């Protein structure tokens, strides 16, 4: 799982560089983001603009990292493609995560907190 990281105004921007978030890559995503949370990153904007496919394992990894925060921070999603967004809607995870059409909007939503 390739991630690009950037800190901006106290928030962490994570851009997923892989085309797929699936059963093969989800455990590594969860492990890497979990380490970032343990290091003190509490406000995270996940940029999924490069992701073309996500399955239940990928969605589960996002839910797992949200649970790792234990209500002591926030994760938002930005730049989701239509095919990926449809799965968020189908599973109703669009009600769990704040989702923004643009990754910059997602980062702005959690910056400065």
PDB file of N, CA and C in Angstrom:
ATOM      1  N   UNK A   1       0.859  -1.182   0.000  1.00  0.00           N
ATOM      2  CA  UNK A   1       0.000   0.000   0.000  1.00  0.00           C
ATOM      3  C   UNK A   1       0.891   1.226   0.000  1.00  0.00           C
ATOM      4  N   UNK A   2       0.763   2.021  -1.020  1.00  0.00           N
ATOM      5  CA  UNK A   2       1.546   3.245  -1.142  1.00  0.00           C
ATOM      6  C   UNK A   2       0.706   4.434  -0.695  1.00  0.00           C
ATOM      7  N   UNK A   3       1.232   5.164   0.280  1.00  0.00           N
ATOM      8  CA  UNK A   3       0.559   6.345   0.810  1.00  0.00           C
ATOM      9  C   UNK A   3       1.484   7.550   0.717  1.00  0.00           C
ATOM     10  N   UNK A   4       0.918   8.666   0.349  1.00  0.00           N
ATOM     11  CA  UNK A   4       1.645   9.932   0.377  1.00  0.00           C
ATOM     12  C   UNK A   4       1.108  10.705   1.579  1.00  0.00           C
ATOM     13  N   UNK A   5       2.019  11.224   2.405  1.00  0.00           N
ATOM     14  CA  UNK A   5       1.622  11.913   3.627  1.00  0.00           C
ATOM     15  C   UNK A   5       2.023  13.380   3.579  1.00  0.00           C
ATOM     16  N   UNK A   6       1.163  14.221   4.146  1.00  0.00           N
ATOM     17  CA  UNK A   6       1.454  15.641   4.245  1.00  0.00           C
ATOM     18  C   UNK A   6       0.726  16.182   5.474  1.00  0.00           C
ATOM     19  N   UNK A   7       1.420  16.977   6.278  1.00  0.00           N
ATOM     20  CA  UNK A   7       0.797  17.638   7.424  1.00  0.00           C
ATOM     21  C   UNK A   7       0.468  19.071   7.004  1.00  0.00           C
ATOM     22  N   UNK A   8      -0.755  19.493   7.297  1.00  0.00           N
ATOM     23  CA  UNK A   8      -1.192  20.845   6.972  1.00  0.00           C
ATOM     24  C   UNK A   8      -2.104  21.355   8.076  1.00  0.00           C
ATOM     25  N   UNK A   9      -1.679  22.419   8.750  1.00  0.00           N
ATOM     26  CA  UNK A   9      -2.483  23.047   9.812  1.00  0.00           C
ATOM     27  C   UNK A   9      -2.962  22.040  10.844  1.00  0.00           C
ATOM     28  N   UNK A  10      -2.091  21.155  11.245  1.00  0.00           N
ATOM     29  CA  UNK A  10      -2.423  20.190  12.291  1.00  0.00           C
ATOM     30  C   UNK A  10      -3.171  18.956  11.829  1.00  0.00           C
ATOM     31  N   UNK A  11      -3.438  18.862  10.545  1.00  0.00           N
ATOM     32  CA  UNK A  11      -4.149  17.693  10.015  1.00  0.00           C
ATOM     33  C   UNK A  11      -3.214  16.904   9.100  1.00  0.00           C
ATOM     34  N   UNK A  12      -3.477  15.620   9.024  1.00  0.00           N
ATOM     35  CA  UNK A  12      -2.691  14.731   8.172  1.00  0.00           C
ATOM     36  C   UNK A  12      -3.486  14.424   6.914  1.00  0.00           C
ATOM     37  N   UNK A  13      -2.873  14.688   5.762  1.00  0.00           N
ATOM     38  CA  UNK A  13      -3.465  14.311   4.476  1.00  0.00           C
ATOM     39  C   UNK A  13      -2.790  13.027   4.024  1.00  0.00           C
ATOM     40  N   UNK A  14      -3.592  12.003   3.804  1.00  0.00           N
ATOM     41  CA  UNK A  14      -3.091  10.721   3.310  1.00  0.00           C
ATOM     42  C   UNK A  14      -3.674  10.469   1.939  1.00  0.00           C
ATOM     43  N   UNK A  15      -2.824  10.428   0.950  1.00  0.00           N
ATOM     44  CA  UNK A  15      -3.278  10.110  -0.400  1.00  0.00           C
ATOM     45  C   UNK A  15      -2.933   8.662  -0.688  1.00  0.00           C
ATOM     46  N   UNK A  16      -3.953   7.871  -0.968  1.00  0.00           N
ATOM     47  CA  UNK A  16      -3.761   6.478  -1.348  1.00  0.00           C
ATOM     48  C   UNK A  16      -3.335   6.475  -2.813  1.00  0.00           C
ATOM     49  N   UNK A  17      -2.142   5.961  -3.079  1.00  0.00           N
ATOM     50  CA  UNK A  17      -1.593   5.989  -4.433  1.00  0.00           C
ATOM     51  C   UNK A  17      -1.905   4.731  -5.236  1.00  0.00           C
ATOM     52  N   UNK A  18      -2.428   3.708  -4.581  1.00  0.00           N
ATOM     53  CA  UNK A  18      -2.785   2.468  -5.261  1.00  0.00           C
ATOM     54  C   UNK A  18      -4.142   2.617  -5.952  1.00  0.00           C
ATOM     55  N   UNK A  19      -4.343   1.855  -6.999  1.00  0.00           N
ATOM     56  CA  UNK A  19      -5.608   1.876  -7.743  1.00  0.00           C
ATOM     57  C   UNK A  19      -6.695   1.063  -7.045  1.00  0.00           C
ATOM     58  N   UNK A  20      -6.258   0.145  -6.166  1.00  0.00           N
ATOM     59  CA  UNK A  20      -7.203  -0.741  -5.493  1.00  0.00           C
ATOM     60  C   UNK A  20      -7.002  -0.713  -3.975  1.00  0.00           C
ATOM     61  N   UNK A  21      -8.111  -0.715  -3.246  1.00  0.00           N
ATOM     62  CA  UNK A  21      -8.101  -0.943  -1.795  1.00  0.00           C
ATOM     63  C   UNK A  21      -8.934  -2.197  -1.592  1.00  0.00           C
ATOM     64  N   UNK A  22      -8.242  -3.314  -1.463  1.00  0.00           N
ATOM     65  CA  UNK A  22      -8.948  -4.581  -1.408  1.00  0.00           C
ATOM     66  C   UNK A  22      -8.340  -5.473  -0.328  1.00  0.00           C
ATOM     67  N   UNK A  23      -8.725  -6.734  -0.329  1.00  0.00           N
ATOM     68  CA  UNK A  23      -8.275  -7.673   0.700  1.00  0.00           C
ATOM     69  C   UNK A  23      -6.758  -7.803   0.749  1.00  0.00           C
ATOM     70  N   UNK A  24      -6.100  -7.549  -0.359  1.00  0.00           N
ATOM     71  CA  UNK A  24      -4.643  -7.648  -0.390  1.00  0.00           C
ATOM     72  C   UNK A  24      -3.972  -6.437   0.253  1.00  0.00           C
ATOM     73  N   UNK A  25      -4.506  -5.254   0.022  1.00  0.00           N
ATOM     74  CA  UNK A  25      -3.851  -4.032   0.506  1.00  0.00           C
ATOM     75  C   UNK A  25      -4.444  -3.471   1.800  1.00  0.00           C
ATOM     76  N   UNK A  26      -5.665  -3.851   2.134  1.00  0.00           N
ATOM     77  CA  UNK A  26      -6.346  -3.278   3.301  1.00  0.00           C
ATOM     78  C   UNK A  26      -5.598  -3.505   4.624  1.00  0.00           C
ATOM     79  N   UNK A  27      -5.058  -4.706   4.893  1.00  0.00           N
ATOM     80  CA  UNK A  27      -4.347  -4.888   6.166  1.00  0.00           C
ATOM     81  C   UNK A  27      -3.139  -3.951   6.309  1.00  0.00           C
ATOM     82  N   UNK A  28      -2.431  -3.729   5.227  1.00  0.00           N
ATOM     83  CA  UNK A  28      -1.279  -2.834   5.277  1.00  0.00           C
ATOM     84  C   UNK A  28      -1.724  -1.382   5.491  1.00  0.00           C
ATOM     85  N   UNK A  29      -2.827  -0.986   4.854  1.00  0.00           N
ATOM     86  CA  UNK A  29      -3.377   0.354   5.064  1.00  0.00           C
ATOM     87  C   UNK A  29      -3.716   0.536   6.540  1.00  0.00           C
ATOM     88  N   UNK A  30      -4.421  -0.423   7.091  1.00  0.00           N
ATOM     89  CA  UNK A  30      -4.835  -0.358   8.494  1.00  0.00           C
ATOM     90  C   UNK A  30      -3.618  -0.269   9.416  1.00  0.00           C
ATOM     91  N   UNK A  31      -2.594  -1.045   9.129  1.00  0.00           N
ATOM     92  CA  UNK A  31      -1.378  -1.044   9.942  1.00  0.00           C
ATOM     93  C   UNK A  31      -0.660   0.309   9.865  1.00  0.00           C
ATOM     94  N   UNK A  32      -0.487   0.827   8.656  1.00  0.00           N
ATOM     95  CA  UNK A  32       0.221   2.104   8.479  1.00  0.00           C
ATOM     96  C   UNK A  32      -0.543   3.258   9.112  1.00  0.00           C
ATOM     97  N   UNK A  33      -1.837   3.328   8.884  1.00  0.00           N
ATOM     98  CA  UNK A  33      -2.622   4.425   9.439  1.00  0.00           C
ATOM     99  C   UNK A  33      -2.741   4.276  10.949  1.00  0.00           C
ATOM    100  N   UNK A  34      -2.837   3.043  11.425  1.00  0.00           N
ATOM    101  CA  UNK A  34      -2.853   2.816  12.870  1.00  0.00           C
ATOM    102  C   UNK A  34      -1.594   3.349  13.537  1.00  0.00           C
ATOM    103  N   UNK A  35      -0.439   3.141  12.912  1.00  0.00           N
ATOM    104  CA  UNK A  35       0.824   3.662  13.451  1.00  0.00           C
ATOM    105  C   UNK A  35       0.828   5.186  13.449  1.00  0.00           C
ATOM    106  N   UNK A  36       0.261   5.784  12.421  1.00  0.00           N
ATOM    107  CA  UNK A  36       0.185   7.248  12.352  1.00  0.00           C
ATOM    108  C   UNK A  36      -0.728   7.809  13.438  1.00  0.00           C
ATOM    109  N   UNK A  37      -1.805   7.104  13.724  1.00  0.00           N
ATOM    110  CA  UNK A  37      -2.712   7.523  14.796  1.00  0.00           C
ATOM    111  C   UNK A  37      -2.009   7.399  16.146  1.00  0.00           C
ATOM    112  N   UNK A  38      -1.317   6.292  16.360  1.00  0.00           N
ATOM    113  CA  UNK A  38      -0.580   6.111  17.618  1.00  0.00           C
ATOM    114  C   UNK A  38       0.513   7.152  17.790  1.00  0.00           C
ATOM    115  N   UNK A  39       1.018   7.683  16.681  1.00  0.00           N
ATOM    116  CA  UNK A  39       2.044   8.725  16.724  1.00  0.00           C
ATOM    117  C   UNK A  39       1.447  10.103  17.025  1.00  0.00           C
ATOM    118  N   UNK A  40       0.123  10.161  17.166  1.00  0.00           N
ATOM    119  CA  UNK A  40      -0.508  11.413  17.560  1.00  0.00           C
ATOM    120  C   UNK A  40      -1.331  12.115  16.504  1.00  0.00           C
ATOM    121  N   UNK A  41      -1.439  11.554  15.317  1.00  0.00           N
ATOM    122  CA  UNK A  41      -2.264  12.164  14.267  1.00  0.00           C
ATOM    123  C   UNK A  41      -3.728  11.839  14.547  1.00  0.00           C
ATOM    124  N   UNK A  42      -4.504  12.850  14.823  1.00  0.00           N
ATOM    125  CA  UNK A  42      -5.904  12.659  15.203  1.00  0.00           C
ATOM    126  C   UNK A  42      -6.904  13.185  14.187  1.00  0.00           C
ATOM    127  N   UNK A  43      -6.454  14.045  13.290  1.00  0.00           N
ATOM    128  CA  UNK A  43      -7.335  14.612  12.274  1.00  0.00           C
ATOM    129  C   UNK A  43      -6.759  14.260  10.908  1.00  0.00           C
ATOM    130  N   UNK A  44      -7.477  13.401  10.211  1.00  0.00           N
ATOM    131  CA  UNK A  44      -6.937  12.785   8.993  1.00  0.00           C
ATOM    132  C   UNK A  44      -7.915  12.951   7.831  1.00  0.00           C
ATOM    133  N   UNK A  45      -7.377  13.416   6.717  1.00  0.00           N
ATOM    134  CA  UNK A  45      -8.134  13.482   5.467  1.00  0.00           C
ATOM    135  C   UNK A  45      -7.554  12.429   4.525  1.00  0.00           C
ATOM    136  N   UNK A  46      -8.374  11.469   4.150  1.00  0.00           N
ATOM    137  CA  UNK A  46      -7.932  10.401   3.258  1.00  0.00           C
ATOM    138  C   UNK A  46      -8.356  10.756   1.835  1.00  0.00           C
ATOM    139  N   UNK A  47      -7.378  10.891   0.968  1.00  0.00           N
ATOM    140  CA  UNK A  47      -7.593  11.230  -0.438  1.00  0.00           C
ATOM    141  C   UNK A  47      -7.660   9.928  -1.236  1.00  0.00           C
ATOM    142  N   UNK A  48      -8.855   9.619  -1.740  1.00  0.00           N
ATOM    143  CA  UNK A  48      -9.061   8.391  -2.507  1.00  0.00           C
ATOM    144  C   UNK A  48      -9.184   8.657  -4.006  1.00  0.00           C
ATOM    145  N   UNK A  49      -8.680   9.789  -4.462  1.00  0.00           N
ATOM    146  CA  UNK A  49      -8.850  10.159  -5.873  1.00  0.00           C
ATOM    147  C   UNK A  49      -8.168   9.207  -6.846  1.00  0.00           C
ATOM    148  N   UNK A  50      -7.155   8.474  -6.405  1.00  0.00           N
ATOM    149  CA  UNK A  50      -6.471   7.514  -7.280  1.00  0.00           C
ATOM    150  C   UNK A  50      -7.108   6.127  -7.233  1.00  0.00           C
ATOM    151  N   UNK A  51      -7.952   5.882  -6.243  1.00  0.00           N
ATOM    152  CA  UNK A  51      -8.536   4.550  -6.038  1.00  0.00           C
ATOM    153  C   UNK A  51      -9.690   4.337  -7.021  1.00  0.00           C
ATOM    154  N   UNK A  52      -9.568   3.285  -7.823  1.00  0.00           N
ATOM    155  CA  UNK A  52     -10.593   2.945  -8.806  1.00  0.00           C
ATOM    156  C   UNK A  52     -11.518   1.832  -8.326  1.00  0.00           C
ATOM    157  N   UNK A  53     -11.045   1.065  -7.343  1.00  0.00           N
ATOM    158  CA  UNK A  53     -11.823  -0.079  -6.847  1.00  0.00           C
ATOM    159  C   UNK A  53     -11.609  -0.215  -5.353  1.00  0.00           C
ATOM    160  N   UNK A  54     -12.695  -0.440  -4.637  1.00  0.00           N
ATOM    161  CA  UNK A  54     -12.616  -0.723  -3.206  1.00  0.00           C
ATOM    162  C   UNK A  54     -13.595  -1.854  -2.913  1.00  0.00           C
ATOM    163  N   UNK A  55     -13.179  -2.790  -2.069  1.00  0.00           N
ATOM    164  CA  UNK A  55     -14.086  -3.878  -1.695  1.00  0.00           C
ATOM    165  C   UNK A  55     -14.390  -3.784  -0.204  1.00  0.00           C
ATOM    166  N   UNK A  56     -15.064  -4.789   0.320  1.00  0.00           N
ATOM    167  CA  UNK A  56     -15.467  -4.753   1.729  1.00  0.00           C
ATOM    168  C   UNK A  56     -14.268  -4.713   2.668  1.00  0.00           C
ATOM    169  N   UNK A  57     -13.164  -5.311   2.277  1.00  0.00           N
ATOM    170  CA  UNK A  57     -11.961  -5.265   3.114  1.00  0.00           C
ATOM    171  C   UNK A  57     -11.396  -3.847   3.166  1.00  0.00           C
ATOM    172  N   UNK A  58     -11.412  -3.148   2.056  1.00  0.00           N
ATOM    173  CA  UNK A  58     -10.958  -1.764   2.027  1.00  0.00           C
ATOM    174  C   UNK A  58     -11.851  -0.868   2.868  1.00  0.00           C
ATOM    175  N   UNK A  59     -13.169  -1.048   2.736  1.00  0.00           N
ATOM    176  CA  UNK A  59     -14.098  -0.286   3.558  1.00  0.00           C
ATOM    177  C   UNK A  59     -13.922  -0.627   5.035  1.00  0.00           C
ATOM    178  N   UNK A  60     -13.706  -1.909   5.312  1.00  0.00           N
ATOM    179  CA  UNK A  60     -13.486  -2.341   6.693  1.00  0.00           C
ATOM    180  C   UNK A  60     -12.235  -1.730   7.295  1.00  0.00           C
ATOM    181  N   UNK A  61     -11.191  -1.564   6.482  1.00  0.00           N
ATOM    182  CA  UNK A  61      -9.955  -0.941   6.971  1.00  0.00           C
ATOM    183  C   UNK A  61     -10.209   0.513   7.352  1.00  0.00           C
ATOM    184  N   UNK A  62     -11.015   1.217   6.562  1.00  0.00           N
ATOM    185  CA  UNK A  62     -11.353   2.600   6.897  1.00  0.00           C
ATOM    186  C   UNK A  62     -12.147   2.676   8.199  1.00  0.00           C
ATOM    187  N   UNK A  63     -13.095   1.770   8.370  1.00  0.00           N
ATOM    188  CA  UNK A  63     -13.872   1.734   9.611  1.00  0.00           C
ATOM    189  C   UNK A  63     -12.968   1.393  10.793  1.00  0.00           C
ATOM    190  N   UNK A  64     -12.041   0.478  10.603  1.00  0.00           N
ATOM    191  CA  UNK A  64     -11.113   0.091  11.681  1.00  0.00           C
ATOM    192  C   UNK A  64     -10.262   1.262  12.153  1.00  0.00           C
ATOM    193  N   UNK A  65      -9.753   2.058  11.216  1.00  0.00           N
ATOM    194  CA  UNK A  65      -8.922   3.189  11.637  1.00  0.00           C
ATOM    195  C   UNK A  65      -9.779   4.265  12.298  1.00  0.00           C
ATOM    196  N   UNK A  66     -11.021   4.384  11.882  1.00  0.00           N
ATOM    197  CA  UNK A  66     -11.938   5.304  12.560  1.00  0.00           C
ATOM    198  C   UNK A  66     -12.134   4.866  14.011  1.00  0.00           C
ATOM    199  N   UNK A  67     -12.298   3.578  14.223  1.00  0.00           N
ATOM    200  CA  UNK A  67     -12.469   3.045  15.582  1.00  0.00           C
ATOM    201  C   UNK A  67     -11.213   3.232  16.421  1.00  0.00           C
ATOM    202  N   UNK A  68     -10.035   3.174  15.790  1.00  0.00           N
ATOM    203  CA  UNK A  68      -8.788   3.390  16.530  1.00  0.00           C
ATOM    204  C   UNK A  68      -8.727   4.776  17.157  1.00  0.00           C
ATOM    205  N   UNK A  69      -9.389   5.739  16.547  1.00  0.00           N
ATOM    206  CA  UNK A  69      -9.415   7.088  17.103  1.00  0.00           C
ATOM    207  C   UNK A  69     -10.230   7.150  18.393  1.00  0.00           C
ATOM    208  N   UNK A  70     -11.156   6.239  18.552  1.00  0.00           N
ATOM    209  CA  UNK A  70     -11.950   6.184  19.770  1.00  0.00           C
ATOM    210  C   UNK A  70     -12.658   7.481  20.104  1.00  0.00           C
ATOM    211  N   UNK A  71     -13.120   8.198  19.078  1.00  0.00           N
ATOM    212  CA  UNK A  71     -13.821   9.455  19.312  1.00  0.00           C
ATOM    213  C   UNK A  71     -12.904  10.623  19.639  1.00  0.00           C
ATOM    214  N   UNK A  72     -11.605  10.416  19.553  1.00  0.00           N
ATOM    215  CA  UNK A  72     -10.623  11.448  19.890  1.00  0.00           C
ATOM    216  C   UNK A  72      -9.989  12.062  18.646  1.00  0.00           C
ATOM    217  N   UNK A  73     -10.778  12.249  17.617  1.00  0.00           N
ATOM    218  CA  UNK A  73     -10.284  12.814  16.367  1.00  0.00           C
ATOM    219  C   UNK A  73     -11.314  12.615  15.279  1.00  0.00           C
ATOM    220  N   UNK A  74     -10.862  12.730  14.042  1.00  0.00           N
ATOM    221  CA  UNK A  74     -11.792  12.632  12.931  1.00  0.00           C
ATOM    222  C   UNK A  74     -11.062  12.176  11.670  1.00  0.00           C
ATOM    223  N   UNK A  75     -11.753  11.372  10.894  1.00  0.00           N
ATOM    224  CA  UNK A  75     -11.270  10.968   9.571  1.00  0.00           C
ATOM    225  C   UNK A  75     -12.337  11.372   8.567  1.00  0.00           C
ATOM    226  N   UNK A  76     -11.912  12.085   7.526  1.00  0.00           N
ATOM    227  CA  UNK A  76     -12.815  12.451   6.438  1.00  0.00           C
ATOM    228  C   UNK A  76     -12.244  11.906   5.134  1.00  0.00           C
ATOM    229  N   UNK A  77     -13.108  11.781   4.146  1.00  0.00           N
ATOM    230  CA  UNK A  77     -12.733  11.193   2.865  1.00  0.00           C
ATOM    231  C   UNK A  77     -12.918  12.236   1.771  1.00  0.00           C
ATOM    232  N   UNK A  78     -11.969  12.312   0.856  1.00  0.00           N
ATOM    233  CA  UNK A  78     -12.080  13.262  -0.243  1.00  0.00           C
ATOM    234  C   UNK A  78     -11.691  12.659  -1.578  1.00  0.00           C
ATOM    235  N   UNK A  79     -12.247  13.226  -2.646  1.00  0.00           N
ATOM    236  CA  UNK A  79     -11.862  12.854  -3.998  1.00  0.00           C
ATOM    237  C   UNK A  79     -12.320  11.494  -4.460  1.00  0.00           C
ATOM    238  N   UNK A  80     -13.433  11.018  -3.955  1.00  0.00           N
ATOM    239  CA  UNK A  80     -13.895   9.674  -4.280  1.00  0.00           C
ATOM    240  C   UNK A  80     -14.494   9.628  -5.685  1.00  0.00           C
ATOM    241  N   UNK A  81     -14.056   8.663  -6.465  1.00  0.00           N
ATOM    242  CA  UNK A  81     -14.606   8.443  -7.813  1.00  0.00           C
ATOM    243  C   UNK A  81     -16.025   7.873  -7.693  1.00  0.00           C
ATOM    244  N   UNK A  82     -16.797   8.001  -8.735  1.00  0.00           N
ATOM    245  CA  UNK A  82     -18.188   7.548  -8.723  1.00  0.00           C
ATOM    246  C   UNK A  82     -18.327   6.067  -8.388  1.00  0.00           C
ATOM    247  N   UNK A  83     -17.460   5.236  -8.969  1.00  0.00           N
ATOM    248  CA  UNK A  83     -17.565   3.793  -8.722  1.00  0.00           C
ATOM    249  C   UNK A  83     -17.318   3.462  -7.254  1.00  0.00           C
ATOM    250  N   UNK A  84     -16.375   4.158  -6.639  1.00  0.00           N
ATOM    251  CA  UNK A  84     -16.071   3.939  -5.225  1.00  0.00           C
ATOM    252  C   UNK A  84     -17.167   4.549  -4.356  1.00  0.00           C
ATOM    253  N   UNK A  85     -17.638   5.729  -4.720  1.00  0.00           N
ATOM    254  CA  UNK A  85     -18.703   6.401  -3.965  1.00  0.00           C
ATOM    255  C   UNK A  85     -19.969   5.547  -3.927  1.00  0.00           C
ATOM    256  N   UNK A  86     -20.255   4.836  -5.014  1.00  0.00           N
ATOM    257  CA  UNK A  86     -21.458   4.001  -5.039  1.00  0.00           C
ATOM    258  C   UNK A  86     -21.386   2.905  -3.979  1.00  0.00           C
ATOM    259  N   UNK A  87     -20.200   2.384  -3.723  1.00  0.00           N
ATOM    260  CA  UNK A  87     -20.059   1.359  -2.682  1.00  0.00           C
ATOM    261  C   UNK A  87     -20.228   1.963  -1.288  1.00  0.00           C
ATOM    262  N   UNK A  88     -19.731   3.176  -1.085  1.00  0.00           N
ATOM    263  CA  UNK A  88     -19.965   3.864   0.185  1.00  0.00           C
ATOM    264  C   UNK A  88     -21.464   4.055   0.410  1.00  0.00           C
ATOM    265  N   UNK A  89     -22.188   4.440  -0.645  1.00  0.00           N
ATOM    266  CA  UNK A  89     -23.635   4.635  -0.516  1.00  0.00           C
ATOM    267  C   UNK A  89     -24.351   3.311  -0.273  1.00  0.00           C
ATOM    268  N   UNK A  90     -23.965   2.278  -1.015  1.00  0.00           N
ATOM    269  CA  UNK A  90     -24.600   0.965  -0.894  1.00  0.00           C
ATOM    270  C   UNK A  90     -24.473   0.412   0.527  1.00  0.00           C
ATOM    271  N   UNK A  91     -23.313   0.618   1.137  1.00  0.00           N
ATOM    272  CA  UNK A  91     -23.064   0.113   2.493  1.00  0.00           C
ATOM    273  C   UNK A  91     -23.451   1.130   3.567  1.00  0.00           C
ATOM    274  N   UNK A  92     -23.929   2.288   3.132  1.00  0.00           N
ATOM    275  CA  UNK A  92     -24.338   3.392   4.011  1.00  0.00           C
ATOM    276  C   UNK A  92     -23.165   3.989   4.799  1.00  0.00           C
ATOM    277  N   UNK A  93     -21.955   3.721   4.355  1.00  0.00           N
ATOM    278  CA  UNK A  93     -20.788   4.330   5.005  1.00  0.00           C
ATOM    279  C   UNK A  93     -20.652   5.808   4.657  1.00  0.00           C
ATOM    280  N   UNK A  94     -21.421   6.253   3.660  1.00  0.00           N
ATOM    281  CA  UNK A  94     -21.447   7.685   3.380  1.00  0.00           C
ATOM    282  C   UNK A  94     -22.124   8.450   4.514  1.00  0.00           C
ATOM    283  N   UNK A  95     -22.816   7.734   5.400  1.00  0.00           N
ATOM    284  CA  UNK A  95     -23.430   8.338   6.592  1.00  0.00           C
ATOM    285  C   UNK A  95     -22.466   8.308   7.781  1.00  0.00           C
ATOM    286  N   UNK A  96     -21.453   7.469   7.709  1.00  0.00           N
ATOM    287  CA  UNK A  96     -20.462   7.333   8.785  1.00  0.00           C
ATOM    288  C   UNK A  96     -19.313   8.312   8.586  1.00  0.00           C
ATOM    289  N   UNK A  97     -18.855   8.432   7.345  1.00  0.00           N
ATOM    290  CA  UNK A  97     -17.731   9.302   7.023  1.00  0.00           C
ATOM    291  C   UNK A  97     -18.235  10.577   6.356  1.00  0.00           C
ATOM    292  N   UNK A  98     -17.640  11.704   6.723  1.00  0.00           N
ATOM    293  CA  UNK A  98     -17.886  12.925   5.967  1.00  0.00           C
ATOM    294  C   UNK A  98     -17.117  12.780   4.665  1.00  0.00           C
ATOM    295  N   UNK A  99     -17.800  13.004   3.562  1.00  0.00           N
ATOM    296  CA  UNK A  99     -17.183  12.822   2.250  1.00  0.00           C
ATOM    297  C   UNK A  99     -17.252  14.127   1.480  1.00  0.00           C
ATOM    298  N   UNK A 100     -16.143  14.447   0.815  1.00  0.00           N
ATOM    299  CA  UNK A 100     -16.022  15.675   0.057  1.00  0.00           C
ATOM    300  C   UNK A 100     -15.603  15.343  -1.373  1.00  0.00           C
ATOM    301  N   UNK A 101     -16.134  16.077  -2.352  1.00  0.00           N
ATOM    302  CA  UNK A 101     -15.794  15.778  -3.749  1.00  0.00           C
ATOM    303  C   UNK A 101     -14.331  16.056  -4.079  1.00  0.00           C
ATOM    304  N   UNK A 102     -13.731  16.965  -3.344  1.00  0.00           N
ATOM    305  CA  UNK A 102     -12.364  17.379  -3.619  1.00  0.00           C
ATOM    306  C   UNK A 102     -11.469  17.078  -2.410  1.00  0.00           C
ATOM    307  N   UNK A 103     -10.286  16.503  -2.620  1.00  0.00           N
ATOM    308  CA  UNK A 103      -9.386  16.207  -1.500  1.00  0.00           C
ATOM    309  C   UNK A 103      -9.003  17.447  -0.690  1.00  0.00           C
ATOM    310  N   UNK A 104      -8.869  18.598  -1.356  1.00  0.00           N
ATOM    311  CA  UNK A 104      -8.520  19.832  -0.644  1.00  0.00           C
ATOM    312  C   UNK A 104      -9.634  20.252   0.302  1.00  0.00           C
ATOM    313  N   UNK A 105     -10.870  20.028  -0.094  1.00  0.00           N
ATOM    314  CA  UNK A 105     -12.006  20.340   0.774  1.00  0.00           C
ATOM    315  C   UNK A 105     -11.997  19.445   2.011  1.00  0.00           C
ATOM    316  N   UNK A 106     -11.651  18.181   1.822  1.00  0.00           N
ATOM    317  CA  UNK A 106     -11.580  17.247   2.947  1.00  0.00           C
ATOM    318  C   UNK A 106     -10.510  17.690   3.929  1.00  0.00           C
ATOM    319  N   UNK A 107      -9.347  18.047   3.409  1.00  0.00           N
ATOM    320  CA  UNK A 107      -8.253  18.505   4.273  1.00  0.00           C
ATOM    321  C   UNK A 107      -8.644  19.769   5.014  1.00  0.00           C
ATOM    322  N   UNK A 108      -9.273  20.669   4.335  1.00  0.00           N
ATOM    323  CA  UNK A 108      -9.720  21.916   4.952  1.00  0.00           C
ATOM    324  C   UNK A 108     -10.718  21.657   6.091  1.00  0.00           C
ATOM    325  N   UNK A 109     -11.531  20.628   5.931  1.00  0.00           N
ATOM    326  CA  UNK A 109     -12.555  20.306   6.938  1.00  0.00           C
ATOM    327  C   UNK A 109     -11.944  19.871   8.261  1.00  0.00           C
ATOM    328  N   UNK A 110     -10.765  19.277   8.241  1.00  0.00           N
ATOM    329  CA  UNK A 110     -10.142  18.795   9.484  1.00  0.00           C
ATOM    330  C   UNK A 110      -8.936  19.612   9.904  1.00  0.00           C
ATOM    331  N   UNK A 111      -8.536  20.580   9.116  1.00  0.00           N
ATOM    332  CA  UNK A 111      -7.360  21.410   9.443  1.00  0.00           C
ATOM    333  C   UNK A 111      -7.691  22.404  10.542  1.00  0.00           C
ATOM    334  N   UNK A 112      -6.675  22.724  11.323  1.00  0.00           N
ATOM    335  CA  UNK A 112      -6.799  23.745  12.349  1.00  0.00           C
ATOM    336  C   UNK A 112      -7.609  23.349  13.560  1.00  0.00           C
ATOM    337  N   UNK A 113      -7.771  22.060  13.786  1.00  0.00           N
ATOM    338  CA  UNK A 113      -8.540  21.608  14.961  1.00  0.00           C
ATOM    339  C   UNK A 113      -7.640  21.231  16.091  1.00  0.00           C
TER     340      UNK A 113
END
